[in-house]
Amino acid sequence: MPVLTPPLHIALRDAVATRFGQPLRYPSHCDALEAELSKSADTGSRRLSPSTLRRFFGLVEKEGGYHLHTLDTLARYAGHSDFAAFG
């Protein structure tokens, strides 16, 4: 799993929220983002589950890191080629 420092995590959350058009504060926001990600040409129609998004946005407790698939998908949605380019 790639290293996601707290400042980088916050920056990626903010970049995704900016593209989404609002902060992701509620589980229903994560459901809507999951639907948007699956339709987005930027993400290659990659799917992230709403529960993964809830963990990423701090709506539920999580220990450990995130898979590169998750970080790449979110970075692509935010307008970057992948997570390495974002970071």
PDB file of N, CA and C in Angstrom:
ATOM      1  N   MET A   1       0.843  -1.187   0.000  1.00  0.00           N
ATOM      2  CA  MET A   1       0.000   0.000   0.000  1.00  0.00           C
ATOM      3  C   MET A   1       0.883   1.243   0.000  1.00  0.00           C
ATOM      4  N   PRO A   2       0.520   2.219  -0.802  1.00  0.00           N
ATOM      5  CA  PRO A   2       1.309   3.451  -0.842  1.00  0.00           C
ATOM      6  C   PRO A   2       1.156   4.252   0.449  1.00  0.00           C
ATOM      7  N   VAL A   3       2.130   5.089   0.707  1.00  0.00           N
ATOM      8  CA  VAL A   3       2.097   5.938   1.892  1.00  0.00           C
ATOM      9  C   VAL A   3       1.234   7.164   1.596  1.00  0.00           C
ATOM     10  N   LEU A   4       0.267   7.384   2.459  1.00  0.00           N
ATOM     11  CA  LEU A   4      -0.611   8.539   2.333  1.00  0.00           C
ATOM     12  C   LEU A   4      -0.456   9.362   3.607  1.00  0.00           C
ATOM     13  N   THR A   5       0.354  10.408   3.530  1.00  0.00           N
ATOM     14  CA  THR A   5       0.574  11.268   4.689  1.00  0.00           C
ATOM     15  C   THR A   5      -0.690  12.073   4.967  1.00  0.00           C
ATOM     16  N   PRO A   6      -0.878  12.512   6.201  1.00  0.00           N
ATOM     17  CA  PRO A   6      -2.072  13.318   6.500  1.00  0.00           C
ATOM     18  C   PRO A   6      -2.241  14.546   5.603  1.00  0.00           C
ATOM     19  N   PRO A   7      -1.170  15.329   5.320  1.00  0.00           N
ATOM     20  CA  PRO A   7      -1.383  16.477   4.427  1.00  0.00           C
ATOM     21  C   PRO A   7      -1.799  16.066   3.010  1.00  0.00           C
ATOM     22  N   LEU A   8      -1.237  14.971   2.518  1.00  0.00           N
ATOM     23  CA  LEU A   8      -1.593  14.499   1.185  1.00  0.00           C
ATOM     24  C   LEU A   8      -3.020  13.965   1.163  1.00  0.00           C
ATOM     25  N   HIS A   9      -3.434  13.292   2.243  1.00  0.00           N
ATOM     26  CA  HIS A   9      -4.802  12.788   2.361  1.00  0.00           C
ATOM     27  C   HIS A   9      -5.791  13.955   2.321  1.00  0.00           C
ATOM     28  N   ILE A  10      -5.500  14.989   3.089  1.00  0.00           N
ATOM     29  CA  ILE A  10      -6.374  16.166   3.118  1.00  0.00           C
ATOM     30  C   ILE A  10      -6.424  16.823   1.737  1.00  0.00           C
ATOM     31  N   ALA A  11      -5.280  16.938   1.096  1.00  0.00           N
ATOM     32  CA  ALA A  11      -5.237  17.569  -0.234  1.00  0.00           C
ATOM     33  C   ALA A  11      -6.054  16.776  -1.247  1.00  0.00           C
ATOM     34  N   LEU A  12      -5.955  15.440  -1.210  1.00  0.00           N
ATOM     35  CA  LEU A  12      -6.727  14.624  -2.146  1.00  0.00           C
ATOM     36  C   LEU A  12      -8.213  14.694  -1.830  1.00  0.00           C
ATOM     37  N   ARG A  13      -8.577  14.656  -0.548  1.00  0.00           N
ATOM     38  CA  ARG A  13      -9.989  14.807  -0.171  1.00  0.00           C
ATOM     39  C   ARG A  13     -10.528  16.141  -0.677  1.00  0.00           C
ATOM     40  N   ASP A  14      -9.763  17.201  -0.491  1.00  0.00           N
ATOM     41  CA  ASP A  14     -10.211  18.534  -0.925  1.00  0.00           C
ATOM     42  C   ASP A  14     -10.339  18.610  -2.445  1.00  0.00           C
ATOM     43  N   ALA A  15      -9.389  18.010  -3.160  1.00  0.00           N
ATOM     44  CA  ALA A  15      -9.434  18.042  -4.630  1.00  0.00           C
ATOM     45  C   ALA A  15     -10.646  17.282  -5.155  1.00  0.00           C
ATOM     46  N   VAL A  16     -10.954  16.147  -4.545  1.00  0.00           N
ATOM     47  CA  VAL A  16     -12.124  15.374  -4.961  1.00  0.00           C
ATOM     48  C   VAL A  16     -13.400  16.147  -4.635  1.00  0.00           C
ATOM     49  N   ALA A  17     -13.458  16.735  -3.448  1.00  0.00           N
ATOM     50  CA  ALA A  17     -14.643  17.507  -3.056  1.00  0.00           C
ATOM     51  C   ALA A  17     -14.858  18.700  -3.977  1.00  0.00           C
ATOM     52  N   THR A  18     -13.772  19.329  -4.399  1.00  0.00           N
ATOM     53  CA  THR A  18     -13.879  20.457  -5.326  1.00  0.00           C
ATOM     54  C   THR A  18     -14.478  20.003  -6.648  1.00  0.00           C
ATOM     55  N   ARG A  19     -13.968  18.900  -7.182  1.00  0.00           N
ATOM     56  CA  ARG A  19     -14.519  18.382  -8.443  1.00  0.00           C
ATOM     57  C   ARG A  19     -15.971  17.952  -8.261  1.00  0.00           C
ATOM     58  N   PHE A  20     -16.289  17.364  -7.115  1.00  0.00           N
ATOM     59  CA  PHE A  20     -17.643  16.897  -6.830  1.00  0.00           C
ATOM     60  C   PHE A  20     -18.603  18.070  -6.650  1.00  0.00           C
ATOM     61  N   GLY A  21     -18.070  19.206  -6.205  1.00  0.00           N
ATOM     62  CA  GLY A  21     -18.890  20.405  -6.065  1.00  0.00           C
ATOM     63  C   GLY A  21     -19.368  20.700  -4.664  1.00  0.00           C
ATOM     64  N   GLN A  22     -18.989  19.863  -3.712  1.00  0.00           N
ATOM     65  CA  GLN A  22     -19.361  20.094  -2.321  1.00  0.00           C
ATOM     66  C   GLN A  22     -18.548  19.173  -1.425  1.00  0.00           C
ATOM     67  N   PRO A  23     -18.401  19.535  -0.151  1.00  0.00           N
ATOM     68  CA  PRO A  23     -17.705  18.651   0.783  1.00  0.00           C
ATOM     69  C   PRO A  23     -18.489  17.349   0.956  1.00  0.00           C
ATOM     70  N   LEU A  24     -17.774  16.277   1.163  1.00  0.00           N
ATOM     71  CA  LEU A  24     -18.430  14.982   1.380  1.00  0.00           C
ATOM     72  C   LEU A  24     -18.552  14.770   2.888  1.00  0.00           C
ATOM     73  N   ARG A  25     -19.709  15.111   3.417  1.00  0.00           N
ATOM     74  CA  ARG A  25     -19.931  15.088   4.864  1.00  0.00           C
ATOM     75  C   ARG A  25     -20.907  14.015   5.321  1.00  0.00           C
ATOM     76  N   TYR A  26     -21.660  13.453   4.390  1.00  0.00           N
ATOM     77  CA  TYR A  26     -22.697  12.499   4.763  1.00  0.00           C
ATOM     78  C   TYR A  26     -22.569  11.236   3.912  1.00  0.00           C
ATOM     79  N   PRO A  27     -23.032  10.112   4.426  1.00  0.00           N
ATOM     80  CA  PRO A  27     -22.977   8.879   3.636  1.00  0.00           C
ATOM     81  C   PRO A  27     -23.650   9.001   2.271  1.00  0.00           C
ATOM     82  N   SER A  28     -24.712   9.773   2.186  1.00  0.00           N
ATOM     83  CA  SER A  28     -25.397   9.927   0.904  1.00  0.00           C
ATOM     84  C   SER A  28     -24.504  10.622  -0.126  1.00  0.00           C
ATOM     85  N   HIS A  29     -23.598  11.494   0.326  1.00  0.00           N
ATOM     86  CA  HIS A  29     -22.642  12.112  -0.590  1.00  0.00           C
ATOM     87  C   HIS A  29     -21.721  11.055  -1.189  1.00  0.00           C
ATOM     88  N   CYS A  30     -21.312  10.092  -0.377  1.00  0.00           N
ATOM     89  CA  CYS A  30     -20.438   9.022  -0.861  1.00  0.00           C
ATOM     90  C   CYS A  30     -21.166   8.131  -1.858  1.00  0.00           C
ATOM     91  N   ASP A  31     -22.453   7.902  -1.633  1.00  0.00           N
ATOM     92  CA  ASP A  31     -23.249   7.139  -2.600  1.00  0.00           C
ATOM     93  C   ASP A  31     -23.294   7.869  -3.937  1.00  0.00           C
ATOM     94  N   ALA A  32     -23.500   9.194  -3.890  1.00  0.00           N
ATOM     95  CA  ALA A  32     -23.560   9.987  -5.123  1.00  0.00           C
ATOM     96  C   ALA A  32     -22.199  10.031  -5.813  1.00  0.00           C
ATOM     97  N   LEU A  33     -21.120  10.132  -5.047  1.00  0.00           N
ATOM     98  CA  LEU A  33     -19.785  10.139  -5.639  1.00  0.00           C
ATOM     99  C   LEU A  33     -19.475   8.792  -6.277  1.00  0.00           C
ATOM    100  N   GLU A  34     -19.870   7.717  -5.650  1.00  0.00           N
ATOM    101  CA  GLU A  34     -19.650   6.378  -6.229  1.00  0.00           C
ATOM    102  C   GLU A  34     -20.323   6.283  -7.588  1.00  0.00           C
ATOM    103  N   ALA A  35     -21.536   6.789  -7.706  1.00  0.00           N
ATOM    104  CA  ALA A  35     -22.245   6.764  -8.984  1.00  0.00           C
ATOM    105  C   ALA A  35     -21.534   7.638 -10.010  1.00  0.00           C
ATOM    106  N   GLU A  36     -21.048   8.789  -9.591  1.00  0.00           N
ATOM    107  CA  GLU A  36     -20.350   9.680 -10.511  1.00  0.00           C
ATOM    108  C   GLU A  36     -19.022   9.077 -10.968  1.00  0.00           C
ATOM    109  N   LEU A  37     -18.296   8.445 -10.063  1.00  0.00           N
ATOM    110  CA  LEU A  37     -17.030   7.809 -10.428  1.00  0.00           C
ATOM    111  C   LEU A  37     -17.229   6.710 -11.461  1.00  0.00           C
ATOM    112  N   SER A  38     -18.290   5.945 -11.294  1.00  0.00           N
ATOM    113  CA  SER A  38     -18.517   4.828 -12.222  1.00  0.00           C
ATOM    114  C   SER A  38     -18.889   5.308 -13.624  1.00  0.00           C
ATOM    115  N   LYS A  39     -19.368   6.555 -13.743  1.00  0.00           N
ATOM    116  CA  LYS A  39     -19.742   7.113 -15.045  1.00  0.00           C
ATOM    117  C   LYS A  39     -18.641   7.970 -15.654  1.00  0.00           C
ATOM    118  N   SER A  40     -17.678   8.398 -14.849  1.00  0.00           N
ATOM    119  CA  SER A  40     -16.689   9.370 -15.284  1.00  0.00           C
ATOM    120  C   SER A  40     -15.669   8.764 -16.244  1.00  0.00           C
ATOM    121  N   ALA A  41     -15.459   9.425 -17.365  1.00  0.00           N
ATOM    122  CA  ALA A  41     -14.435   8.992 -18.316  1.00  0.00           C
ATOM    123  C   ALA A  41     -13.042   9.181 -17.720  1.00  0.00           C
ATOM    124  N   ASP A  42     -12.883  10.151 -16.821  1.00  0.00           N
ATOM    125  CA  ASP A  42     -11.582  10.416 -16.203  1.00  0.00           C
ATOM    126  C   ASP A  42     -11.078   9.240 -15.380  1.00  0.00           C
ATOM    127  N   THR A  43     -11.980   8.502 -14.786  1.00  0.00           N
ATOM    128  CA  THR A  43     -11.576   7.380 -13.938  1.00  0.00           C
ATOM    129  C   THR A  43     -11.594   6.058 -14.693  1.00  0.00           C
ATOM    130  N   GLY A  44     -11.937   6.085 -15.960  1.00  0.00           N
ATOM    131  CA  GLY A  44     -11.999   4.842 -16.722  1.00  0.00           C
ATOM    132  C   GLY A  44     -13.100   3.935 -16.229  1.00  0.00           C
ATOM    133  N   SER A  45     -14.144   4.533 -15.690  1.00  0.00           N
ATOM    134  CA  SER A  45     -15.290   3.801 -15.129  1.00  0.00           C
ATOM    135  C   SER A  45     -14.884   2.841 -14.020  1.00  0.00           C
ATOM    136  N   ARG A  46     -13.815   3.186 -13.304  1.00  0.00           N
ATOM    137  CA  ARG A  46     -13.406   2.370 -12.156  1.00  0.00           C
ATOM    138  C   ARG A  46     -14.420   2.548 -11.041  1.00  0.00           C
ATOM    139  N   ARG A  47     -14.633   1.494 -10.296  1.00  0.00           N
ATOM    140  CA  ARG A  47     -15.623   1.532  -9.236  1.00  0.00           C
ATOM    141  C   ARG A  47     -14.953   1.549  -7.878  1.00  0.00           C
ATOM    142  N   LEU A  48     -15.431   2.410  -6.993  1.00  0.00           N
ATOM    143  CA  LEU A  48     -15.067   2.393  -5.577  1.00  0.00           C
ATOM    144  C   LEU A  48     -16.361   2.274  -4.803  1.00  0.00           C
ATOM    145  N   SER A  49     -16.384   1.411  -3.834  1.00  0.00           N
ATOM    146  CA  SER A  49     -17.614   1.220  -3.078  1.00  0.00           C
ATOM    147  C   SER A  49     -17.893   2.425  -2.183  1.00  0.00           C
ATOM    148  N   PRO A  50     -19.161   2.669  -1.895  1.00  0.00           N
ATOM    149  CA  PRO A  50     -19.491   3.756  -0.971  1.00  0.00           C
ATOM    150  C   PRO A  50     -18.826   3.574   0.398  1.00  0.00           C
ATOM    151  N   SER A  51     -18.640   2.331   0.849  1.00  0.00           N
ATOM    152  CA  SER A  51     -17.993   2.125   2.149  1.00  0.00           C
ATOM    153  C   SER A  51     -16.521   2.522   2.101  1.00  0.00           C
ATOM    154  N   THR A  52     -15.847   2.281   0.982  1.00  0.00           N
ATOM    155  CA  THR A  52     -14.457   2.740   0.824  1.00  0.00           C
ATOM    156  C   THR A  52     -14.416   4.261   0.858  1.00  0.00           C
ATOM    157  N   LEU A  53     -15.340   4.897   0.174  1.00  0.00           N
ATOM    158  CA  LEU A  53     -15.396   6.361   0.158  1.00  0.00           C
ATOM    159  C   LEU A  53     -15.711   6.918   1.542  1.00  0.00           C
ATOM    160  N   ARG A  54     -16.576   6.262   2.275  1.00  0.00           N
ATOM    161  CA  ARG A  54     -16.886   6.715   3.647  1.00  0.00           C
ATOM    162  C   ARG A  54     -15.643   6.656   4.522  1.00  0.00           C
ATOM    163  N   ARG A  55     -14.850   5.583   4.370  1.00  0.00           N
ATOM    164  CA  ARG A  55     -13.609   5.485   5.136  1.00  0.00           C
ATOM    165  C   ARG A  55     -12.632   6.585   4.714  1.00  0.00           C
ATOM    166  N   PHE A  56     -12.491   6.791   3.409  1.00  0.00           N
ATOM    167  CA  PHE A  56     -11.545   7.782   2.908  1.00  0.00           C
ATOM    168  C   PHE A  56     -11.898   9.192   3.389  1.00  0.00           C
ATOM    169  N   PHE A  57     -13.172   9.514   3.421  1.00  0.00           N
ATOM    170  CA  PHE A  57     -13.600  10.852   3.823  1.00  0.00           C
ATOM    171  C   PHE A  57     -13.847  10.977   5.325  1.00  0.00           C
ATOM    172  N   GLY A  58     -13.488   9.959   6.084  1.00  0.00           N
ATOM    173  CA  GLY A  58     -13.532  10.042   7.539  1.00  0.00           C
ATOM    174  C   GLY A  58     -14.902   9.936   8.160  1.00  0.00           C
ATOM    175  N   LEU A  59     -15.861   9.371   7.422  1.00  0.00           N
ATOM    176  CA  LEU A  59     -17.211   9.229   7.968  1.00  0.00           C
ATOM    177  C   LEU A  59     -17.347   7.982   8.834  1.00  0.00           C
ATOM    178  N   VAL A  60     -16.419   7.051   8.690  1.00  0.00           N
ATOM    179  CA  VAL A  60     -16.336   5.874   9.553  1.00  0.00           C
ATOM    180  C   VAL A  60     -14.868   5.653   9.899  1.00  0.00           C
ATOM    181  N   GLU A  61     -14.616   4.995  11.005  1.00  0.00           N
ATOM    182  CA  GLU A  61     -13.254   4.738  11.471  1.00  0.00           C
ATOM    183  C   GLU A  61     -12.529   3.792  10.529  1.00  0.00           C
ATOM    184  N   LYS A  62     -11.240   4.028  10.356  1.00  0.00           N
ATOM    185  CA  LYS A  62     -10.416   3.169   9.515  1.00  0.00           C
ATOM    186  C   LYS A  62      -9.024   3.098  10.103  1.00  0.00           C
ATOM    187  N   GLU A  63      -8.487   1.906  10.119  1.00  0.00           N
ATOM    188  CA  GLU A  63      -7.094   1.717  10.477  1.00  0.00           C
ATOM    189  C   GLU A  63      -6.381   1.170   9.263  1.00  0.00           C
ATOM    190  N   GLY A  64      -5.155   1.574   9.079  1.00  0.00           N
ATOM    191  CA  GLY A  64      -4.391   1.092   7.937  1.00  0.00           C
ATOM    192  C   GLY A  64      -4.471   2.062   6.773  1.00  0.00           C
ATOM    193  N   GLY A  65      -3.927   1.617   5.643  1.00  0.00           N
ATOM    194  CA  GLY A  65      -3.834   2.481   4.478  1.00  0.00           C
ATOM    195  C   GLY A  65      -4.913   2.212   3.450  1.00  0.00           C
ATOM    196  N   TYR A  66      -4.664   2.722   2.253  1.00  0.00           N
ATOM    197  CA  TYR A  66      -5.591   2.574   1.135  1.00  0.00           C
ATOM    198  C   TYR A  66      -4.863   1.901  -0.015  1.00  0.00           C
ATOM    199  N   HIS A  67      -5.578   1.127  -0.774  1.00  0.00           N
ATOM    200  CA  HIS A  67      -5.011   0.476  -1.947  1.00  0.00           C
ATOM    201  C   HIS A  67      -4.701   1.512  -3.017  1.00  0.00           C
ATOM    202  N   LEU A  68      -3.709   1.211  -3.832  1.00  0.00           N
ATOM    203  CA  LEU A  68      -3.327   2.110  -4.912  1.00  0.00           C
ATOM    204  C   LEU A  68      -4.490   2.335  -5.874  1.00  0.00           C
ATOM    205  N   HIS A  69      -5.308   1.318  -6.095  1.00  0.00           N
ATOM    206  CA  HIS A  69      -6.492   1.450  -6.948  1.00  0.00           C
ATOM    207  C   HIS A  69      -7.381   2.595  -6.460  1.00  0.00           C
ATOM    208  N   THR A  70      -7.611   2.658  -5.159  1.00  0.00           N
ATOM    209  CA  THR A  70      -8.447   3.713  -4.574  1.00  0.00           C
ATOM    210  C   THR A  70      -7.820   5.081  -4.803  1.00  0.00           C
ATOM    211  N   LEU A  71      -6.547   5.199  -4.492  1.00  0.00           N
ATOM    212  CA  LEU A  71      -5.869   6.492  -4.616  1.00  0.00           C
ATOM    213  C   LEU A  71      -5.749   6.932  -6.067  1.00  0.00           C
ATOM    214  N   ASP A  72      -5.432   5.998  -6.959  1.00  0.00           N
ATOM    215  CA  ASP A  72      -5.361   6.331  -8.382  1.00  0.00           C
ATOM    216  C   ASP A  72      -6.710   6.809  -8.912  1.00  0.00           C
ATOM    217  N   THR A  73      -7.764   6.114  -8.549  1.00  0.00           N
ATOM    218  CA  THR A  73      -9.100   6.476  -9.024  1.00  0.00           C
ATOM    219  C   THR A  73      -9.483   7.874  -8.554  1.00  0.00           C
ATOM    220  N   LEU A  74      -9.238   8.172  -7.291  1.00  0.00           N
ATOM    221  CA  LEU A  74      -9.575   9.495  -6.769  1.00  0.00           C
ATOM    222  C   LEU A  74      -8.694  10.580  -7.373  1.00  0.00           C
ATOM    223  N   ALA A  75      -7.418  10.300  -7.574  1.00  0.00           N
ATOM    224  CA  ALA A  75      -6.526  11.279  -8.196  1.00  0.00           C
ATOM    225  C   ALA A  75      -6.938  11.545  -9.643  1.00  0.00           C
ATOM    226  N   ARG A  76      -7.328  10.510 -10.358  1.00  0.00           N
ATOM    227  CA  ARG A  76      -7.797  10.695 -11.739  1.00  0.00           C
ATOM    228  C   ARG A  76      -9.067  11.542 -11.765  1.00  0.00           C
ATOM    229  N   TYR A  77      -9.964  11.261 -10.847  1.00  0.00           N
ATOM    230  CA  TYR A  77     -11.201  12.054 -10.765  1.00  0.00           C
ATOM    231  C   TYR A  77     -10.873  13.523 -10.504  1.00  0.00           C
ATOM    232  N   ALA A  78      -9.824  13.769  -9.716  1.00  0.00           N
ATOM    233  CA  ALA A  78      -9.430  15.137  -9.378  1.00  0.00           C
ATOM    234  C   ALA A  78      -8.632  15.807 -10.498  1.00  0.00           C
ATOM    235  N   GLY A  79      -8.383  15.073 -11.594  1.00  0.00           N
ATOM    236  CA  GLY A  79      -7.739  15.699 -12.740  1.00  0.00           C
ATOM    237  C   GLY A  79      -6.285  15.353 -12.972  1.00  0.00           C
ATOM    238  N   HIS A  80      -5.772  14.364 -12.268  1.00  0.00           N
ATOM    239  CA  HIS A  80      -4.373  13.964 -12.420  1.00  0.00           C
ATOM    240  C   HIS A  80      -4.301  12.609 -13.114  1.00  0.00           C
ATOM    241  N   SER A  81      -3.130  12.275 -13.631  1.00  0.00           N
ATOM    242  CA  SER A  81      -3.002  11.006 -14.362  1.00  0.00           C
ATOM    243  C   SER A  81      -3.042   9.814 -13.426  1.00  0.00           C
ATOM    244  N   ASP A  82      -2.550   9.963 -12.209  1.00  0.00           N
ATOM    245  CA  ASP A  82      -2.607   8.904 -11.200  1.00  0.00           C
ATOM    246  C   ASP A  82      -2.197   9.498  -9.855  1.00  0.00           C
ATOM    247  N   PHE A  83      -2.137   8.659  -8.826  1.00  0.00           N
ATOM    248  CA  PHE A  83      -1.823   9.147  -7.490  1.00  0.00           C
ATOM    249  C   PHE A  83      -0.399   9.682  -7.406  1.00  0.00           C
ATOM    250  N   ALA A  84       0.544   9.029  -8.089  1.00  0.00           N
ATOM    251  CA  ALA A  84       1.930   9.493  -8.057  1.00  0.00           C
ATOM    252  C   ALA A  84       2.037  10.904  -8.635  1.00  0.00           C
ATOM    253  N   ALA A  85       1.294  11.188  -9.685  1.00  0.00           N
ATOM    254  CA  ALA A  85       1.299  12.519 -10.281  1.00  0.00           C
ATOM    255  C   ALA A  85       0.650  13.538  -9.328  1.00  0.00           C
ATOM    256  N   PHE A  86      -0.352  13.104  -8.602  1.00  0.00           N
ATOM    257  CA  PHE A  86      -1.007  13.996  -7.648  1.00  0.00           C
ATOM    258  C   PHE A  86      -0.054  14.356  -6.513  1.00  0.00           C
ATOM    259  N   GLY A  87       0.644  13.335  -5.990  1.00  0.00           N
ATOM    260  CA  GLY A  87       1.504  13.518  -4.820  1.00  0.00           C
ATOM    261  C   GLY A  87       2.816  14.141  -5.150  1.00  0.00           C
TER     262      GLY A  87
END
